[in-house]
């Protein structure tokens, strides 16, 4: 297990470029299974979850070649379906939640799929019903072996149909979409997720020869095709990293420019941080955050306490609520953070309270943060990262705190943020990786 030793209280300054989007990468990488032709993907982040998925694809027989610092080619012309029945496959797939999205492409192209119960962050119940109900509506036969915790699906002769998803799941929509692009006839998916990452997947599939309309809305229409071709695709910058850097700049009184963010794809993220009192300027395709001694949280028009809650796109992404929460601890004012989607994601606040933050955990989904307006700085402590987003939130807290902090279990941070210690040290941070 590795740790970060973090010296707090330093102001950072400079430019930083966000990595390619982790959540998009997991979908796009699975889509290479839909064609026997070569697919080139650019701006792939060098992070644990993505690297594990690339390794899994290679073990399945996909030819993988690194052709640049952040670029790979994939060719799935010799996929070994027998590998799906091995314990090695089940073990590796279960260690990565994103592996569930190989099922849609496998069903579309080969008519079969296997998957053990996926892992991932321990942030609460994350059910897979949406994926499997969607497959069933396309005609797949679903079987679950409860003893071995293995999902088996027979997807021969998939046929297009109408479906109304029970939730606008991003991974569920992506998985069903990839199964439907080669199903016979027309598929309509209502209450589909419409995040920029899902739009990117639709655009990529259309370039490969798919026939998808309604991209960017919650109503997708897919006309099945017999075959898909190769393509080249570039991932979006990671919006979660961008939001993390905005919060980091405010907490540490730093002057930071975030480069090449594709502002039009960020939705209400910049405006939400502005409501936290953070000054930021859009300069072309960059976001500039000046050094700020103080930032004050807005109230609602009637004077009541501001509530920031997650919602399906174009609402605020749940992955940034942890960043909002930690950033609020040194603001002036009070905010209620409402995490609707996951019931365990706010449990890291006990570490912030130990550091001196004023937070009331109302229940597993809501926390009230009373901003200290920097009158009482956070203090360095030893703590453990419970998941990717909480881990970076604790790192931001440690960078702003007085004294030195140690963050254990940073493998969780490495799952979602590439070279985060090196990149922040280049701005003036003092983060030491301890193995």
Protein backbone atom coordinates (compact mmCIF):
# COMPACT_ATOMS: atom_id res chain seq x y z
CA UNK A 1 0.00 0.00 0.00
CA UNK A 2 1.29 3.46 -0.92
CA UNK A 3 0.77 6.81 0.78
CA UNK A 4 1.14 10.52 0.08
CA UNK A 5 2.96 12.77 2.54
CA UNK A 6 1.58 16.24 1.89
CA UNK A 7 2.95 19.53 3.18
CA UNK A 8 0.08 21.97 3.44
CA UNK A 9 -0.25 25.72 3.25
CA UNK A 10 1.60 26.27 -0.03
CA UNK A 11 0.23 28.46 -2.81
CA UNK A 12 0.36 26.87 -6.25
CA UNK A 13 0.80 28.71 -9.53
CA UNK A 14 0.91 27.81 -13.21
CA UNK A 15 -0.85 25.91 -15.96
CA UNK A 16 -2.21 22.37 -15.88
CA UNK A 17 -3.83 20.31 -18.62
CA UNK A 18 -6.58 17.83 -17.68
CA UNK A 19 -6.15 14.20 -18.61
CA UNK A 20 -8.46 12.34 -20.96
CA UNK A 21 -11.81 11.51 -19.38
CA UNK A 22 -11.74 8.30 -17.33
CA UNK A 23 -15.47 7.64 -17.57
CA UNK A 24 -15.46 8.12 -21.33
CA UNK A 25 -12.39 5.95 -21.77
CA UNK A 26 -14.05 2.92 -20.16
CA UNK A 27 -16.96 3.08 -22.62
CA UNK A 28 -14.87 3.82 -25.71
CA UNK A 29 -12.37 1.02 -24.97
CA UNK A 30 -15.17 -1.54 -24.76
CA UNK A 31 -16.53 -0.35 -28.12
CA UNK A 32 -13.40 -1.60 -29.93
CA UNK A 33 -14.88 -5.11 -29.59
CA UNK A 34 -17.65 -4.15 -32.05
CA UNK A 35 -15.42 -4.34 -35.13
CA UNK A 36 -12.64 -6.50 -36.52
CA UNK A 37 -11.00 -3.41 -37.99
CA UNK A 38 -8.38 -1.22 -36.32
CA UNK A 39 -9.53 1.52 -33.93
CA UNK A 40 -7.22 4.35 -32.81
CA UNK A 41 -7.97 6.13 -29.53
CA UNK A 42 -6.17 9.30 -28.43
CA UNK A 43 -5.77 11.03 -25.05
CA UNK A 44 -6.11 7.80 -23.05
CA UNK A 45 -5.26 8.55 -19.38
CA UNK A 46 -2.56 6.46 -17.72
CA UNK A 47 -4.62 5.42 -14.71
CA UNK A 48 -5.23 2.07 -13.01
CA UNK A 49 -8.84 1.46 -14.06
CA UNK A 50 -8.12 2.23 -17.71
CA UNK A 51 -4.89 0.23 -17.76
CA UNK A 52 -6.65 -2.78 -16.23
CA UNK A 53 -9.33 -2.65 -18.94
CA UNK A 54 -6.70 -2.44 -21.68
CA UNK A 55 -4.94 -5.47 -20.17
CA UNK A 56 -8.24 -7.35 -20.05
CA UNK A 57 -8.91 -6.61 -23.73
CA UNK A 58 -5.42 -7.84 -24.62
CA UNK A 59 -6.01 -11.05 -22.65
CA UNK A 60 -9.20 -11.56 -24.67
CA UNK A 61 -7.15 -11.54 -27.86
CA UNK A 62 -7.45 -7.89 -28.88
CA UNK A 63 -4.24 -6.65 -30.53
CA UNK A 64 -3.14 -3.59 -28.56
CA UNK A 65 -0.36 -1.26 -29.68
CA UNK A 66 0.80 1.95 -28.02
CA UNK A 67 1.49 4.42 -30.82
CA UNK A 68 2.04 7.60 -28.79
CA UNK A 69 2.26 8.92 -25.20
CA UNK A 70 -1.56 8.85 -24.90
CA UNK A 71 -2.56 6.99 -28.09
CA UNK A 72 -3.29 3.31 -28.73
CA UNK A 73 -4.56 1.18 -31.59
CA UNK A 74 -6.87 -1.78 -30.98
CA UNK A 75 -7.84 -4.57 -33.37
CA UNK A 76 -10.36 -7.17 -32.21
CA UNK A 77 -10.12 -9.51 -35.20
CA UNK A 78 -9.10 -12.59 -33.17
CA UNK A 79 -11.12 -12.44 -29.94
CA UNK A 80 -10.82 -15.65 -27.89
CA UNK A 81 -14.33 -16.38 -26.61
CA UNK A 82 -13.08 -19.41 -24.68
CA UNK A 83 -11.15 -17.04 -22.43
CA UNK A 84 -14.50 -15.79 -21.09
CA UNK A 85 -14.97 -19.11 -19.28
CA UNK A 86 -11.63 -19.01 -17.45
CA UNK A 87 -11.14 -18.08 -13.82
CA UNK A 88 -8.46 -15.60 -14.91
CA UNK A 89 -11.04 -13.63 -16.91
CA UNK A 90 -13.61 -13.69 -14.12
CA UNK A 91 -11.05 -12.57 -11.55
CA UNK A 92 -9.75 -9.68 -13.65
CA UNK A 93 -13.23 -8.56 -14.71
CA UNK A 94 -14.48 -8.57 -11.12
CA UNK A 95 -11.70 -6.19 -10.08
CA UNK A 96 -12.98 -3.48 -12.42
CA UNK A 97 -16.51 -2.12 -12.50
CA UNK A 98 -16.08 -0.72 -16.01
CA UNK A 99 -15.66 -4.26 -17.33
CA UNK A 100 -19.44 -4.65 -17.30
CA UNK A 101 -19.51 -2.60 -20.52
CA UNK A 102 -17.79 -5.33 -22.54
CA UNK A 103 -21.10 -7.24 -22.41
CA UNK A 104 -22.96 -5.04 -24.90
CA UNK A 105 -20.29 -5.33 -27.61
CA UNK A 106 -19.84 -9.07 -26.99
CA UNK A 107 -23.57 -9.69 -27.33
CA UNK A 108 -23.83 -7.53 -30.46
CA UNK A 109 -20.95 -9.14 -32.31
CA UNK A 110 -20.62 -12.64 -30.87
CA UNK A 111 -24.00 -13.34 -29.24
CA UNK A 112 -22.57 -14.34 -25.87
CA UNK A 113 -21.15 -12.80 -22.72
CA UNK A 114 -19.79 -13.68 -19.27
CA UNK A 115 -19.03 -11.47 -16.34
CA UNK A 116 -18.36 -11.90 -12.65
CA UNK A 117 -19.73 -9.39 -10.18
CA UNK A 118 -17.81 -6.14 -10.89
CA UNK A 119 -15.86 -4.28 -8.24
CA UNK A 120 -15.04 -0.58 -8.11
CA UNK A 121 -15.57 2.09 -5.48
CA UNK A 122 -17.25 1.14 -2.22
CA UNK A 123 -19.63 4.10 -2.31
CA UNK A 124 -22.92 2.31 -1.87
CA UNK A 125 -25.21 0.02 -3.81
CA UNK A 126 -24.58 0.23 -7.57
CA UNK A 127 -26.99 -2.16 -9.20
CA UNK A 128 -26.75 -3.55 -12.72
CA UNK A 129 -30.44 -4.18 -13.33
CA UNK A 130 -30.71 -1.47 -16.00
CA UNK A 131 -28.04 -3.18 -18.10
CA UNK A 132 -29.61 -6.63 -17.93
CA UNK A 133 -33.22 -5.58 -18.34
CA UNK A 134 -32.18 -3.69 -21.47
CA UNK A 135 -30.39 -6.78 -22.83
CA UNK A 136 -33.46 -8.91 -22.09
CA UNK A 137 -35.72 -6.51 -24.00
CA UNK A 138 -33.41 -6.93 -26.97
CA UNK A 139 -34.01 -10.67 -26.71
CA UNK A 140 -31.02 -11.83 -24.67
CA UNK A 141 -31.44 -14.65 -22.17
CA UNK A 142 -30.03 -13.87 -18.77
CA UNK A 143 -28.73 -16.30 -16.14
CA UNK A 144 -27.04 -15.57 -12.82
CA UNK A 145 -25.00 -18.20 -10.99
CA UNK A 146 -25.33 -17.02 -7.38
CA UNK A 147 -22.72 -19.44 -6.05
CA UNK A 148 -19.94 -18.24 -8.35
CA UNK A 149 -21.48 -14.76 -8.78
CA UNK A 150 -21.22 -15.09 -12.57
CA UNK A 151 -23.53 -13.43 -15.09
CA UNK A 152 -24.14 -15.49 -18.24
CA UNK A 153 -25.98 -14.06 -21.23
CA UNK A 154 -27.05 -15.63 -24.51
CA UNK A 155 -27.47 -12.82 -27.03
CA UNK A 156 -27.95 -14.67 -30.30
CA UNK A 157 -30.49 -13.02 -32.64
CA UNK A 158 -30.91 -9.70 -30.85
CA UNK A 159 -33.86 -7.72 -32.17
CA UNK A 160 -34.59 -4.02 -31.90
CA UNK A 161 -37.37 -2.88 -29.59
CA UNK A 162 -38.72 0.09 -27.61
CA UNK A 163 -37.57 0.43 -24.00
CA UNK A 164 -38.01 2.95 -21.21
CA UNK A 165 -35.03 2.73 -18.86
CA UNK A 166 -35.84 2.63 -15.15
CA UNK A 167 -32.97 5.06 -14.54
CA UNK A 168 -30.84 7.22 -16.81
CA UNK A 169 -27.74 5.17 -16.11
CA UNK A 170 -24.69 6.30 -18.13
CA UNK A 171 -23.02 2.88 -18.19
CA UNK A 172 -26.40 1.17 -18.65
CA UNK A 173 -27.27 3.37 -21.63
CA UNK A 174 -23.81 2.83 -23.15
CA UNK A 175 -24.00 -0.93 -22.72
CA UNK A 176 -27.50 -1.25 -24.21
CA UNK A 177 -26.60 1.14 -27.01
CA UNK A 178 -23.59 -0.96 -28.00
CA UNK A 179 -25.71 -4.12 -27.98
CA UNK A 180 -28.41 -2.44 -30.09
CA UNK A 181 -26.23 -1.02 -32.89
CA UNK A 182 -26.01 -4.46 -34.54
CA UNK A 183 -29.41 -5.82 -33.47
CA UNK A 184 -31.97 -6.52 -36.18
CA UNK A 185 -34.40 -3.64 -36.75
CA UNK A 186 -34.92 -0.42 -34.80
CA UNK A 187 -34.31 0.18 -31.11
CA UNK A 188 -35.67 3.15 -29.20
CA UNK A 189 -34.18 3.98 -25.79
CA UNK A 190 -36.18 6.49 -23.74
CA UNK A 191 -34.85 8.01 -20.51
CA UNK A 192 -31.37 7.46 -21.93
CA UNK A 193 -28.40 9.16 -20.32
CA UNK A 194 -27.13 12.08 -22.41
CA UNK A 195 -23.83 13.03 -20.75
CA UNK A 196 -21.07 14.37 -23.04
CA UNK A 197 -19.27 11.02 -22.66
CA UNK A 198 -22.34 9.22 -24.00
CA UNK A 199 -22.57 11.72 -26.85
CA UNK A 200 -18.93 10.98 -27.64
CA UNK A 201 -19.68 7.24 -27.78
CA UNK A 202 -22.63 7.84 -30.13
CA UNK A 203 -20.50 10.01 -32.41
CA UNK A 204 -17.77 7.36 -32.50
CA UNK A 205 -20.23 4.57 -33.29
CA UNK A 206 -21.81 6.64 -36.08
CA UNK A 207 -18.37 7.17 -37.59
CA UNK A 208 -17.96 3.39 -37.48
CA UNK A 209 -21.14 2.96 -39.50
CA UNK A 210 -23.86 2.83 -36.84
CA UNK A 211 -27.16 4.66 -37.35
CA UNK A 212 -27.94 6.51 -34.14
CA UNK A 213 -30.15 9.62 -33.94
CA UNK A 214 -31.24 11.75 -31.01
CA UNK A 215 -27.65 12.15 -29.78
CA UNK A 216 -27.54 14.60 -26.86
CA UNK A 217 -31.17 13.95 -25.87
CA UNK A 218 -32.76 11.34 -23.62
CA UNK A 219 -34.46 9.66 -26.60
CA UNK A 220 -32.12 7.59 -28.77
CA UNK A 221 -33.13 5.79 -31.95
CA UNK A 222 -30.83 3.09 -33.31
CA UNK A 223 -31.23 1.37 -36.67
CA UNK A 224 -29.30 -1.90 -36.50
CA UNK A 225 -26.50 -2.54 -39.01
CA UNK A 226 -24.73 -5.77 -39.92
CA UNK A 227 -21.17 -4.58 -39.52
CA UNK A 228 -19.12 -1.73 -38.04
CA UNK A 229 -15.81 -0.36 -39.32
CA UNK A 230 -12.67 1.04 -37.72
CA UNK A 231 -12.25 4.70 -36.75
CA UNK A 232 -10.13 7.19 -34.83
CA UNK A 233 -11.40 8.86 -31.67
CA UNK A 234 -10.07 11.45 -29.20
CA UNK A 235 -11.35 11.51 -25.62
CA UNK A 236 -12.70 14.65 -23.99
CA UNK A 237 -10.75 16.28 -21.15
CA UNK A 238 -11.88 14.88 -17.80
CA UNK A 239 -14.55 17.19 -16.37
CA UNK A 240 -14.04 15.72 -12.88
CA UNK A 241 -10.37 16.67 -12.96
CA UNK A 242 -11.29 20.14 -14.17
CA UNK A 243 -13.70 20.61 -11.26
CA UNK A 244 -11.11 19.21 -8.85
CA UNK A 245 -8.54 21.76 -10.01
CA UNK A 246 -11.04 24.62 -9.59
CA UNK A 247 -11.71 23.55 -5.99
CA UNK A 248 -7.98 23.07 -5.35
CA UNK A 249 -7.18 26.58 -6.57
CA UNK A 250 -9.77 28.14 -4.26
CA UNK A 251 -8.77 26.12 -1.21
CA UNK A 252 -5.04 26.86 -1.57
CA UNK A 253 -5.37 30.53 -2.66
CA UNK A 254 -3.65 29.53 -5.88
CA UNK A 255 -3.52 31.11 -9.33
CA UNK A 256 -4.07 28.31 -11.81
CA UNK A 257 -4.94 28.14 -15.50
CA UNK A 258 -6.63 24.90 -16.62
CA UNK A 259 -5.82 24.42 -20.30
CA UNK A 260 -7.93 23.03 -23.14
CA UNK A 261 -11.07 22.17 -21.14
CA UNK A 262 -13.66 22.16 -23.98
CA UNK A 263 -15.85 24.61 -22.08
CA UNK A 264 -18.99 23.84 -24.11
CA UNK A 265 -18.96 20.28 -22.72
CA UNK A 266 -18.78 21.28 -19.03
CA UNK A 267 -22.48 22.08 -18.53
CA UNK A 268 -23.21 23.83 -15.23
CA UNK A 269 -19.91 22.88 -13.57
CA UNK A 270 -18.28 26.35 -13.88
CA UNK A 271 -21.47 28.11 -12.74
CA UNK A 272 -21.81 25.81 -9.71
CA UNK A 273 -18.32 26.73 -8.52
CA UNK A 274 -19.12 30.39 -9.14
CA UNK A 275 -22.07 29.99 -6.77
CA UNK A 276 -19.52 28.84 -4.21
CA UNK A 277 -17.98 32.30 -4.56
CA UNK A 278 -15.02 31.16 -6.65
CA UNK A 279 -13.90 33.63 -9.29
CA UNK A 280 -13.06 32.01 -12.59
CA UNK A 281 -12.65 33.37 -16.09
CA UNK A 282 -13.18 31.58 -19.38
CA UNK A 283 -10.30 32.56 -21.68
CA UNK A 284 -10.82 30.90 -25.03
CA UNK A 285 -10.85 27.20 -24.16
CA UNK A 286 -9.03 27.69 -20.84
CA UNK A 287 -10.29 28.39 -17.32
CA UNK A 288 -8.30 30.90 -15.28
CA UNK A 289 -8.73 30.94 -11.48
CA UNK A 290 -7.05 33.92 -9.75
CA UNK A 291 -5.64 33.72 -6.24
CA UNK A 292 -8.45 34.44 -3.76
CA UNK A 293 -8.08 35.23 -0.07
CA UNK A 294 -11.82 34.77 0.48
CA UNK A 295 -14.80 33.31 -1.37
CA UNK A 296 -18.41 33.50 -0.19
CA UNK A 297 -21.17 30.98 -0.87
CA UNK A 298 -24.32 32.43 -2.39
CA UNK A 299 -27.76 31.94 -0.86
CA UNK A 300 -30.99 31.31 -2.71
CA UNK A 301 -32.95 34.42 -3.72
CA UNK A 302 -35.11 34.23 -0.58
CA UNK A 303 -32.01 34.09 1.63
CA UNK A 304 -32.21 30.40 2.42
CA UNK A 305 -29.13 28.17 2.51
CA UNK A 306 -27.78 27.09 -0.86
CA UNK A 307 -28.26 23.41 -1.71
CA UNK A 308 -25.99 21.71 -4.23
CA UNK A 309 -27.28 18.33 -5.34
CA UNK A 310 -26.36 15.85 -8.02
CA UNK A 311 -28.70 15.20 -10.93
CA UNK A 312 -28.71 13.46 -14.28
CA UNK A 313 -27.12 15.45 -17.09
CA UNK A 314 -27.34 18.36 -17.71
CA UNK A 315 -27.54 18.53 -13.92
CA UNK A 316 -24.49 18.53 -11.64
CA UNK A 317 -22.38 15.39 -11.77
CA UNK A 318 -22.26 13.35 -8.51
CA UNK A 319 -18.52 12.80 -8.95
CA UNK A 320 -17.86 16.46 -8.06
CA UNK A 321 -19.95 16.70 -4.90
CA UNK A 322 -17.00 15.55 -2.78
CA UNK A 323 -14.95 18.41 -4.25
CA UNK A 324 -17.74 20.93 -3.57
CA UNK A 325 -17.99 19.72 0.01
CA UNK A 326 -14.30 20.08 0.83
CA UNK A 327 -14.08 23.44 -0.96
CA UNK A 328 -16.96 24.76 1.16
CA UNK A 329 -15.08 24.14 4.42
CA UNK A 330 -12.96 27.29 3.95
CA UNK A 331 -15.59 29.45 2.25
CA UNK A 332 -17.70 32.08 3.97
CA UNK A 333 -21.25 30.83 4.40
CA UNK A 334 -23.14 27.56 4.60
CA UNK A 335 -24.14 24.98 2.00
CA UNK A 336 -26.16 21.78 2.09
CA UNK A 337 -24.57 19.07 -0.07
CA UNK A 338 -27.13 16.48 -1.16
CA UNK A 339 -25.67 13.30 -2.67
CA UNK A 340 -28.75 11.53 -4.02
CA UNK A 341 -27.18 8.70 -5.97
CA UNK A 342 -24.86 6.88 -3.54
CA UNK A 343 -25.52 6.31 0.15
CA UNK A 344 -21.89 5.94 1.30
CA UNK A 345 -20.06 8.66 -0.62
CA UNK A 346 -20.24 11.25 2.17
CA UNK A 347 -18.77 9.05 4.85
CA UNK A 348 -15.29 10.50 4.30
CA UNK A 349 -16.36 13.71 6.08
CA UNK A 350 -15.21 12.28 9.41
CA UNK A 351 -11.63 12.85 8.22
CA UNK A 352 -12.43 16.47 7.38
CA UNK A 353 -14.02 16.92 10.81
CA UNK A 354 -10.83 15.54 12.38
CA UNK A 355 -8.94 18.20 10.41
CA UNK A 356 -11.13 20.90 11.99
CA UNK A 357 -13.91 21.34 9.42
CA UNK A 358 -17.40 22.25 10.62
CA UNK A 359 -19.66 19.66 8.98
CA UNK A 360 -22.93 18.10 10.11
CA UNK A 361 -23.60 14.75 8.47
CA UNK A 362 -27.39 14.84 8.41
CA UNK A 363 -27.81 11.32 6.99
CA UNK A 364 -25.99 9.10 4.46
CA UNK A 365 -27.04 11.44 1.65
CA UNK A 366 -26.80 14.97 3.09
CA UNK A 367 -24.14 17.04 4.80
CA UNK A 368 -24.29 20.66 5.94
CA UNK A 369 -20.97 22.47 5.66
CA UNK A 370 -20.41 25.60 7.73
CA UNK A 371 -17.63 27.56 6.05
CA UNK A 372 -14.86 28.84 8.32
CA UNK A 373 -13.80 31.71 6.01
CA UNK A 374 -10.16 30.68 6.65
CA UNK A 375 -10.37 31.90 10.26
CA UNK A 376 -9.59 28.37 11.45
CA UNK A 377 -7.36 26.58 8.91
CA UNK A 378 -7.60 22.83 8.59
CA UNK A 379 -4.82 20.90 10.34
CA UNK A 380 -2.76 18.06 8.92
CA UNK A 381 -3.60 14.52 10.06
CA UNK A 382 -3.15 10.91 8.91
CA UNK A 383 -6.12 9.54 6.94
CA UNK A 384 -7.12 6.88 4.44
CA UNK A 385 -8.63 7.36 0.98
CA UNK A 386 -11.93 5.41 0.73
CA UNK A 387 -12.63 5.99 -2.99
CA UNK A 388 -11.34 7.93 -5.99
CA UNK A 389 -13.25 11.19 -5.53
CA UNK A 390 -13.04 11.30 -1.75
CA UNK A 391 -9.31 10.60 -2.05
CA UNK A 392 -8.71 13.68 -4.19
CA UNK A 393 -10.94 15.73 -1.87
CA UNK A 394 -8.75 14.70 1.06
CA UNK A 395 -5.67 15.57 -0.99
CA UNK A 396 -7.09 19.05 -1.60
CA UNK A 397 -7.83 19.40 2.12
CA UNK A 398 -4.27 18.31 2.97
CA UNK A 399 -2.75 20.81 0.51
CA UNK A 400 -4.70 23.64 2.16
CA UNK A 401 -4.09 22.55 5.77
CA UNK A 402 -1.51 23.72 8.28
CA UNK A 403 1.23 21.17 8.84
CA UNK A 404 1.81 17.79 7.19
CA UNK A 405 -0.77 15.13 6.33
CA UNK A 406 -0.37 11.51 5.31
CA UNK A 407 -2.97 9.93 3.02
CA UNK A 408 -2.94 6.13 2.92
CA UNK A 409 -4.46 3.84 0.27
CA UNK A 410 -3.65 6.25 -2.54
CA UNK A 411 -4.12 3.40 -5.01
CA UNK A 412 -7.71 4.64 -5.00
CA UNK A 413 -6.56 8.07 -6.23
CA UNK A 414 -4.32 6.45 -8.85
CA UNK A 415 -7.39 4.67 -10.24
CA UNK A 416 -8.75 7.98 -11.51
CA UNK A 417 -5.98 10.62 -11.65
CA UNK A 418 -2.76 10.17 -13.64
CA UNK A 419 0.55 11.38 -12.14
CA UNK A 420 -1.44 13.62 -9.79
CA UNK A 421 1.49 14.12 -7.39
CA UNK A 422 3.96 14.99 -10.19
CA UNK A 423 1.55 17.36 -11.92
CA UNK A 424 0.68 19.26 -8.74
CA UNK A 425 4.31 19.36 -7.61
CA UNK A 426 5.08 21.08 -10.93
CA UNK A 427 2.74 23.88 -9.74
CA UNK A 428 4.53 24.21 -6.41
CA UNK A 429 2.90 21.54 -4.23
CA UNK A 430 4.96 19.35 -1.88
CA UNK A 431 3.61 15.80 -2.26
CA UNK A 432 5.88 12.81 -1.61
CA UNK A 433 4.83 9.31 -2.64
CA UNK A 434 5.76 6.73 -0.02
CA UNK A 435 5.68 3.04 -1.09
